[in-house]
Amino acid sequence: MAPSATSTVTETVALPPVLKTARVFGAYKEIAPTKFSREAEEGKTGLKAAKYQNYLPTWNSEQKYGPLQPFEHYEHGKDADTSFPELLPEGSAVTDLTPTIGSEVRGVQLSSLSNAGKDQLARFVAQRKVVAFRGQDFADLPIEKALEFGGYFGRHHIHPTSGSPEGYPEVHLVHRGEGDKSHETYFETRTSSVAWHSDVSYEQQPPGTTFLYILDKPETGGDTLFVNAVEAYNRLSPLFQERLHGLKATHSGIEQANASDARGGIRRREPVVSVHPIVRTHPATGEKALFVNPQFTRDIVGLKKEESDAILKFLYDHLGYGADFQARVKWEEGTVVVWDNRVTQHSALLDWKSGQRRHLARITPQAEAPYQTPFSS
């Protein structure tokens, strides 16, 4: 008997929406939106208008830059009077957030500091790792004046993918517009928004003294976490510290660039991969800090994948779980947070569901290429 004829029907199954948009690029987490309603931000839709519309983000695809060239960085913190007379004069108030990391300062206006005061600022921040200055006028300054202040501390970094105010690519913007609900789709594929990192550590000369100032904020939520990478190093046993010395790791900007491409963003500059020591030395304080982070570090040079993964996972967990050497900065109007990117890591938090705007500007002076001094127990 001849076999009966059969027919095969292939059905196309529609992918769930969460799988149509790539949100995972290796170990890199992308939580920053690349779009917003300008009408909403201008108050034309009934929602609250942005306070600082000159800081609304633009993504200009015509901004193209070549590879960053090496430059000689001068560390002003080495010149500071460590009694901080110009930075912390009589009448100022300093409150430490924790014993090992974080301070809050009131009664000082950063924009009025002399060069000696700026030197002291660099050193004080290197020692305290992150400092929240309250009651500041940064947001109300002309943008070029804010950049002039930040330029004292190093060459301005232009971010390869982020939004910036029109005409000022040196300003990196953190912006989630009024009425934004993208947290709903983000948490369809993630259980947490915590993404520890040192800013653009993939650059050959990553940032040092870094400035982030508030423009608009939700009533509650949107705090920023910081971890002391010096204390994290100090907590390790001398034998493990010694083993880390001499090891180097790769830091990649490729995943961040790919995430921007996938979401219709821009590439101002082609991504790079750099190699940095796992333990770096601060040029002003001489302190040693762990310099690996899950956002940008990829592998340890010279180790097999499983060996590298095991050591990096331990270091990431050590930093991430170290609540006894971390600080949580709450934002107030008029706050400028200054941290030393060489000896800290941080993470934004996407924890508010009100749809209220969160809008900040970052000025990111680059520093020296990471280096390591010899191990000493």
Protein backbone atom coordinates (compact mmCIF):
# COMPACT_ATOMS: atom_id res chain seq x y z
CA MET A 1 0.00 0.00 0.00
CA ALA A 2 1.39 3.45 -0.90
CA PRO A 3 2.04 5.72 2.04
CA SER A 4 -0.59 8.33 2.61
CA ALA A 5 0.29 11.86 1.59
CA THR A 6 1.03 14.19 4.45
CA SER A 7 1.48 17.92 4.60
CA THR A 8 3.47 19.95 7.07
CA VAL A 9 2.27 23.34 8.21
CA THR A 10 4.80 25.68 9.77
CA GLU A 11 3.28 28.15 12.18
CA THR A 12 5.06 31.37 13.03
CA VAL A 13 4.76 32.04 16.74
CA ALA A 14 4.88 35.71 17.67
CA LEU A 15 7.62 36.58 20.15
CA PRO A 16 6.55 38.16 23.42
CA PRO A 17 7.25 41.91 23.41
CA VAL A 18 9.94 41.52 26.09
CA LEU A 19 11.99 39.37 23.69
CA LYS A 20 11.70 41.73 20.73
CA THR A 21 13.82 44.39 22.39
CA ALA A 22 17.28 43.34 23.47
CA ARG A 23 18.00 44.37 27.04
CA VAL A 24 20.84 42.07 27.89
CA PHE A 25 24.27 42.65 26.31
CA GLY A 26 26.57 40.23 28.04
CA ALA A 27 27.03 41.42 31.61
CA TYR A 28 26.07 45.01 30.73
CA LYS A 29 22.82 46.42 32.15
CA GLU A 30 21.19 49.28 30.26
CA ILE A 31 18.59 51.26 32.19
CA ALA A 32 18.84 54.73 30.63
CA PRO A 33 16.06 55.71 28.19
CA THR A 34 17.04 57.10 24.78
CA LYS A 35 13.69 58.76 24.05
CA PHE A 36 11.27 61.10 25.80
CA SER A 37 8.31 63.30 24.98
CA ARG A 38 9.61 66.83 24.43
CA GLU A 39 6.06 68.17 24.60
CA ALA A 40 5.62 66.56 28.02
CA GLU A 41 8.96 67.93 29.24
CA GLU A 42 7.94 71.39 28.06
CA GLY A 43 4.66 71.13 30.01
CA LYS A 44 2.42 71.04 26.94
CA THR A 45 0.58 67.82 27.81
CA GLY A 46 -0.65 68.68 31.28
CA LEU A 47 2.34 67.12 33.03
CA LYS A 48 4.77 69.12 35.12
CA ALA A 49 7.37 70.84 32.94
CA ALA A 50 11.09 70.26 33.38
CA LYS A 51 12.74 72.92 35.55
CA TYR A 52 15.90 73.09 33.46
CA GLN A 53 14.89 72.78 29.82
CA ASN A 54 18.36 73.93 28.70
CA TYR A 55 19.51 70.57 30.08
CA LEU A 56 17.04 68.38 28.18
CA PRO A 57 18.92 65.60 26.38
CA THR A 58 19.67 65.49 22.68
CA TRP A 59 21.25 62.65 20.73
CA ASN A 60 22.99 64.16 17.72
CA SER A 61 24.03 61.44 15.27
CA GLU A 62 26.24 63.96 13.47
CA GLN A 63 28.54 64.25 16.49
CA LYS A 64 31.46 62.02 15.53
CA TYR A 65 34.82 61.93 17.24
CA GLY A 66 38.03 60.01 16.68
CA PRO A 67 39.75 57.84 19.28
CA LEU A 68 40.72 59.58 22.51
CA GLN A 69 44.38 60.54 22.56
CA PRO A 70 46.63 60.18 25.61
CA PHE A 71 47.20 63.30 27.68
CA GLU A 72 49.21 64.16 30.78
CA HIS A 73 46.92 64.51 33.78
CA TYR A 74 47.89 66.72 36.71
CA GLU A 75 46.50 65.59 40.06
CA HIS A 76 45.58 68.75 41.99
CA GLY A 77 44.80 66.78 45.15
CA LYS A 78 48.56 66.42 45.70
CA ASP A 79 48.82 70.20 46.22
CA ALA A 80 46.07 70.45 48.84
CA ASP A 81 46.35 71.78 52.36
CA THR A 82 44.80 68.82 54.17
CA SER A 83 43.38 71.02 56.92
CA PHE A 84 41.02 72.23 54.14
CA PRO A 85 40.82 75.91 55.19
CA GLU A 86 39.35 77.19 51.90
CA LEU A 87 37.06 74.21 51.30
CA LEU A 88 35.70 73.89 54.83
CA PRO A 89 35.92 77.35 56.44
CA GLU A 90 34.42 78.31 59.76
CA GLY A 91 30.64 78.09 59.55
CA SER A 92 30.57 75.09 57.22
CA ALA A 93 29.12 71.82 58.50
CA VAL A 94 30.36 68.33 57.67
CA THR A 95 28.40 65.19 58.53
CA ASP A 96 29.90 61.79 57.75
CA LEU A 97 27.38 59.36 56.26
CA THR A 98 29.37 56.32 57.40
CA PRO A 99 32.78 55.84 59.06
CA THR A 100 34.53 54.72 55.86
CA ILE A 101 32.72 56.44 52.98
CA GLY A 102 30.56 59.46 52.34
CA SER A 103 30.14 62.94 53.81
CA GLU A 104 27.54 65.68 53.53
CA VAL A 105 28.66 69.33 53.49
CA ARG A 106 26.56 72.45 54.01
CA GLY A 107 27.57 76.10 54.07
CA VAL A 108 30.05 75.96 51.16
CA GLN A 109 29.48 77.19 47.58
CA LEU A 110 31.60 75.12 45.19
CA SER A 111 31.32 77.57 42.32
CA SER A 112 33.07 80.24 44.43
CA LEU A 113 36.11 78.15 45.36
CA SER A 114 39.61 79.47 44.65
CA ASN A 115 42.11 77.18 42.97
CA ALA A 116 43.44 76.29 46.41
CA GLY A 117 39.89 75.38 47.41
CA LYS A 118 39.55 73.20 44.33
CA ASP A 119 42.80 71.42 45.20
CA GLN A 120 41.39 70.76 48.67
CA LEU A 121 38.13 69.55 47.13
CA ALA A 122 39.98 66.95 45.06
CA ARG A 123 41.87 65.71 48.13
CA PHE A 124 38.89 65.73 50.50
CA VAL A 125 36.80 63.74 48.00
CA ALA A 126 39.67 61.28 47.48
CA GLN A 127 39.76 60.72 51.24
CA ARG A 128 36.00 60.51 51.83
CA LYS A 129 35.34 58.87 48.42
CA VAL A 130 31.97 60.61 47.85
CA VAL A 131 30.71 63.95 49.20
CA ALA A 132 27.24 65.48 48.83
CA PHE A 133 27.38 69.29 48.79
CA ARG A 134 23.97 70.77 49.60
CA GLY A 135 22.57 74.19 48.64
CA GLN A 136 24.64 74.58 45.47
CA ASP A 137 24.04 76.88 42.48
CA PHE A 138 25.53 74.60 39.80
CA ALA A 139 22.22 73.97 38.04
CA ASP A 140 21.61 77.72 37.71
CA LEU A 141 25.02 78.54 36.27
CA PRO A 142 25.43 78.90 32.51
CA ILE A 143 26.47 75.46 31.29
CA GLU A 144 29.80 76.80 30.05
CA LYS A 145 30.58 78.06 33.56
CA ALA A 146 29.88 74.64 35.08
CA LEU A 147 32.18 73.11 32.47
CA GLU A 148 34.86 75.70 33.20
CA PHE A 149 34.76 74.69 36.87
CA GLY A 150 34.98 70.98 36.07
CA GLY A 151 37.77 71.47 33.55
CA TYR A 152 40.15 72.42 36.36
CA PHE A 153 40.23 68.75 37.40
CA GLY A 154 41.05 67.21 34.02
CA ARG A 155 40.16 66.91 30.35
CA HIS A 156 36.41 66.67 29.81
CA HIS A 157 35.20 63.24 28.75
CA ILE A 158 32.61 63.14 25.97
CA HIS A 159 30.45 60.06 26.46
CA PRO A 160 30.16 57.87 23.36
CA THR A 161 26.42 57.19 23.63
CA SER A 162 24.60 59.31 26.23
CA GLY A 163 22.27 62.26 25.80
CA SER A 164 23.68 65.77 26.27
CA PRO A 165 22.35 69.33 26.29
CA GLU A 166 22.26 70.80 22.80
CA GLY A 167 25.69 72.19 22.00
CA TYR A 168 27.40 70.71 25.06
CA PRO A 169 28.46 67.10 24.36
CA GLU A 170 30.84 67.27 27.36
CA VAL A 171 27.83 67.09 29.71
CA HIS A 172 26.48 63.59 30.34
CA LEU A 173 22.77 63.61 31.18
CA VAL A 174 20.82 61.20 33.34
CA HIS A 175 17.18 61.73 32.44
CA ARG A 176 13.90 59.90 32.94
CA GLY A 177 11.03 62.12 31.83
CA GLU A 178 7.78 63.01 33.58
CA GLY A 179 5.24 60.22 33.10
CA ASP A 180 7.93 57.69 32.17
CA LYS A 181 6.92 54.10 32.87
CA SER A 182 9.89 52.27 31.38
CA HIS A 183 10.58 50.64 34.75
CA GLU A 184 7.63 48.36 33.97
CA THR A 185 9.32 46.87 30.90
CA TYR A 186 12.77 46.89 32.50
CA PHE A 187 11.63 44.62 35.31
CA GLU A 188 10.06 42.18 32.87
CA THR A 189 13.60 40.86 32.31
CA ARG A 190 15.45 41.93 35.46
CA THR A 191 14.94 41.44 39.19
CA SER A 192 17.11 44.41 40.21
CA SER A 193 18.32 47.70 38.77
CA VAL A 194 21.55 47.65 40.79
CA ALA A 195 24.49 47.88 38.36
CA TRP A 196 27.76 48.59 40.14
CA HIS A 197 30.32 50.34 37.99
CA SER A 198 33.12 52.85 37.77
CA ASP A 199 32.23 55.31 35.02
CA VAL A 200 33.60 54.49 31.55
CA SER A 201 36.38 52.32 33.02
CA TYR A 202 36.94 51.05 29.48
CA GLU A 203 38.75 54.29 28.57
CA GLN A 204 42.54 54.29 28.63
CA GLN A 205 42.35 57.21 31.08
CA PRO A 206 39.10 56.85 33.04
CA PRO A 207 37.64 59.75 35.07
CA GLY A 208 38.88 60.94 38.46
CA THR A 209 37.10 63.70 40.42
CA THR A 210 33.53 63.56 39.06
CA PHE A 211 30.54 65.87 39.50
CA LEU A 212 26.82 64.98 39.36
CA TYR A 213 24.19 67.62 40.09
CA ILE A 214 20.45 67.41 40.45
CA LEU A 215 18.04 69.21 38.14
CA ASP A 216 14.74 67.45 38.91
CA LYS A 217 13.94 64.59 41.26
CA PRO A 218 11.07 62.35 42.34
CA GLU A 219 9.63 62.99 45.79
CA THR A 220 11.25 59.81 47.00
CA GLY A 221 13.46 57.20 45.35
CA GLY A 222 16.22 57.45 42.79
CA ASP A 223 19.00 57.43 45.39
CA THR A 224 22.56 56.56 44.37
CA LEU A 225 24.64 53.84 46.03
CA PHE A 226 28.42 54.13 46.44
CA VAL A 227 31.00 51.58 47.55
CA ASN A 228 34.50 52.25 48.89
CA ALA A 229 36.86 50.22 46.70
CA VAL A 230 39.82 51.06 48.98
CA GLU A 231 38.13 49.55 52.02
CA ALA A 232 37.09 46.57 49.88
CA TYR A 233 40.77 46.00 49.06
CA ASN A 234 41.82 46.48 52.68
CA ARG A 235 39.34 43.83 53.85
CA LEU A 236 41.10 41.13 51.80
CA SER A 237 43.74 38.90 53.37
CA PRO A 238 47.36 39.91 52.66
CA LEU A 239 47.86 36.67 50.71
CA PHE A 240 44.91 37.41 48.44
CA GLN A 241 45.95 41.06 48.06
CA GLU A 242 49.40 39.92 46.99
CA ARG A 243 47.95 37.48 44.47
CA LEU A 244 45.88 40.22 42.86
CA HIS A 245 48.95 42.41 42.40
CA GLY A 246 50.31 42.08 38.89
CA LEU A 247 46.99 40.88 37.48
CA LYS A 248 45.29 42.96 34.80
CA ALA A 249 41.76 42.86 33.43
CA THR A 250 40.08 43.97 30.21
CA HIS A 251 37.40 46.67 30.32
CA SER A 252 35.04 46.87 27.33
CA GLY A 253 32.84 49.64 25.93
CA ILE A 254 31.53 47.39 23.15
CA GLU A 255 28.42 46.18 24.96
CA GLN A 256 27.38 49.73 25.87
CA ALA A 257 27.75 50.82 22.24
CA ASN A 258 25.78 47.78 21.03
CA ALA A 259 23.00 48.54 23.51
CA SER A 260 22.81 52.08 22.16
CA ASP A 261 22.64 50.79 18.58
CA ALA A 262 19.88 48.31 19.42
CA ARG A 263 17.72 51.02 20.95
CA GLY A 264 18.19 53.55 18.18
CA GLY A 265 20.83 55.56 20.01
CA ILE A 266 24.08 57.10 18.80
CA ARG A 267 27.80 56.33 18.65
CA ARG A 268 29.91 59.45 18.93
CA ARG A 269 33.06 57.34 19.00
CA GLU A 270 33.85 53.72 18.25
CA PRO A 271 34.06 51.53 21.38
CA VAL A 272 37.36 50.48 22.87
CA VAL A 273 38.73 47.75 25.10
CA SER A 274 41.46 48.71 27.57
CA VAL A 275 43.60 46.71 29.99
CA HIS A 276 43.96 48.00 33.56
CA PRO A 277 45.48 46.62 36.77
CA ILE A 278 42.97 44.94 39.08
CA VAL A 279 44.47 46.91 41.98
CA ARG A 280 45.20 50.58 41.25
CA THR A 281 46.94 53.26 43.34
CA HIS A 282 45.55 56.73 43.95
CA PRO A 283 48.14 59.40 43.02
CA ALA A 284 47.33 61.77 45.92
CA THR A 285 46.57 59.47 48.85
CA GLY A 286 48.67 56.44 47.85
CA GLU A 287 45.71 54.20 48.74
CA LYS A 288 45.10 51.02 46.77
CA ALA A 289 41.66 50.16 45.43
CA LEU A 290 40.00 47.31 43.58
CA PHE A 291 39.38 48.38 40.00
CA VAL A 292 37.01 45.85 38.44
CA ASN A 293 33.27 46.19 37.90
CA PRO A 294 30.57 43.97 36.36
CA GLN A 295 29.35 46.59 33.89
CA PHE A 296 32.59 46.92 31.97
CA THR A 297 35.23 44.41 33.16
CA ARG A 298 35.29 41.25 31.06
CA ASP A 299 38.21 38.96 31.92
CA ILE A 300 41.57 38.69 33.66
CA VAL A 301 44.47 38.67 31.25
CA GLY A 302 46.37 35.39 31.16
CA LEU A 303 43.81 33.28 33.02
CA LYS A 304 41.48 30.70 31.56
CA LYS A 305 37.82 31.70 31.42
CA GLU A 306 36.70 29.62 34.40
CA GLU A 307 39.61 30.90 36.51
CA SER A 308 38.93 34.50 35.53
CA ASP A 309 35.19 34.19 36.10
CA ALA A 310 35.67 32.74 39.58
CA ILE A 311 37.98 35.53 40.75
CA LEU A 312 35.90 38.30 39.19
CA LYS A 313 32.67 36.91 40.66
CA PHE A 314 34.25 36.88 44.12
CA LEU A 315 35.41 40.50 43.73
CA TYR A 316 32.04 41.67 42.37
CA ASP A 317 30.22 39.95 45.24
CA HIS A 318 32.68 41.35 47.76
CA LEU A 319 32.05 44.90 46.52
CA GLY A 320 28.31 44.46 45.99
CA TYR A 321 27.56 42.83 49.34
CA GLY A 322 29.85 45.11 51.34
CA ALA A 323 27.10 47.14 53.00
CA ASP A 324 29.54 47.98 55.81
CA PHE A 325 31.70 49.98 53.37
CA GLN A 326 28.91 51.48 51.27
CA ALA A 327 26.91 54.71 51.44
CA ARG A 328 23.50 55.69 50.05
CA VAL A 329 23.18 59.29 48.87
CA LYS A 330 19.70 60.84 48.92
CA TRP A 331 19.15 63.69 46.53
CA GLU A 332 17.89 67.12 47.59
CA GLU A 333 17.32 70.17 45.41
CA GLY A 334 20.60 72.05 44.97
CA THR A 335 22.80 68.99 45.58
CA VAL A 336 26.11 68.39 43.83
CA VAL A 337 27.60 64.97 44.54
CA VAL A 338 31.35 64.71 43.97
CA TRP A 339 33.13 61.37 43.99
CA ASP A 340 36.51 59.98 43.03
CA ASN A 341 35.87 57.51 40.25
CA ARG A 342 39.25 55.85 40.80
CA VAL A 343 38.46 54.56 44.29
CA THR A 344 34.67 54.09 44.28
CA GLN A 345 31.93 52.39 42.36
CA HIS A 346 28.30 53.43 42.26
CA SER A 347 24.87 52.39 41.07
CA ALA A 348 21.73 54.31 40.29
CA LEU A 349 18.46 52.86 41.58
CA LEU A 350 15.31 52.54 39.49
CA ASP A 351 13.00 52.13 42.48
CA TRP A 352 10.25 54.75 42.13
CA LYS A 353 7.01 53.98 40.32
CA SER A 354 5.35 57.41 40.40
CA GLY A 355 6.46 58.41 36.91
CA GLN A 356 8.04 61.55 38.33
CA ARG A 357 11.01 63.03 36.52
CA ARG A 358 14.61 62.28 37.53
CA HIS A 359 17.08 64.55 35.77
CA LEU A 360 20.76 65.05 36.54
CA ALA A 361 23.89 66.33 34.79
CA ARG A 362 27.39 64.89 35.10
CA ILE A 363 30.71 66.58 34.44
CA THR A 364 33.39 63.94 34.00
CA PRO A 365 37.06 65.06 33.98
CA GLN A 366 39.46 62.31 32.94
CA ALA A 367 42.47 61.40 35.07
CA GLU A 368 45.65 59.36 34.73
CA ALA A 369 45.85 55.88 33.25
CA PRO A 370 45.41 53.41 36.14
CA TYR A 371 48.69 52.22 37.58
CA GLN A 372 49.81 49.97 40.42
CA THR A 373 52.55 50.38 43.02
CA PRO A 374 54.34 47.34 44.48
CA PHE A 375 52.60 45.19 47.05
CA SER A 376 53.37 45.79 50.70
CA SER A 377 51.66 43.96 53.55
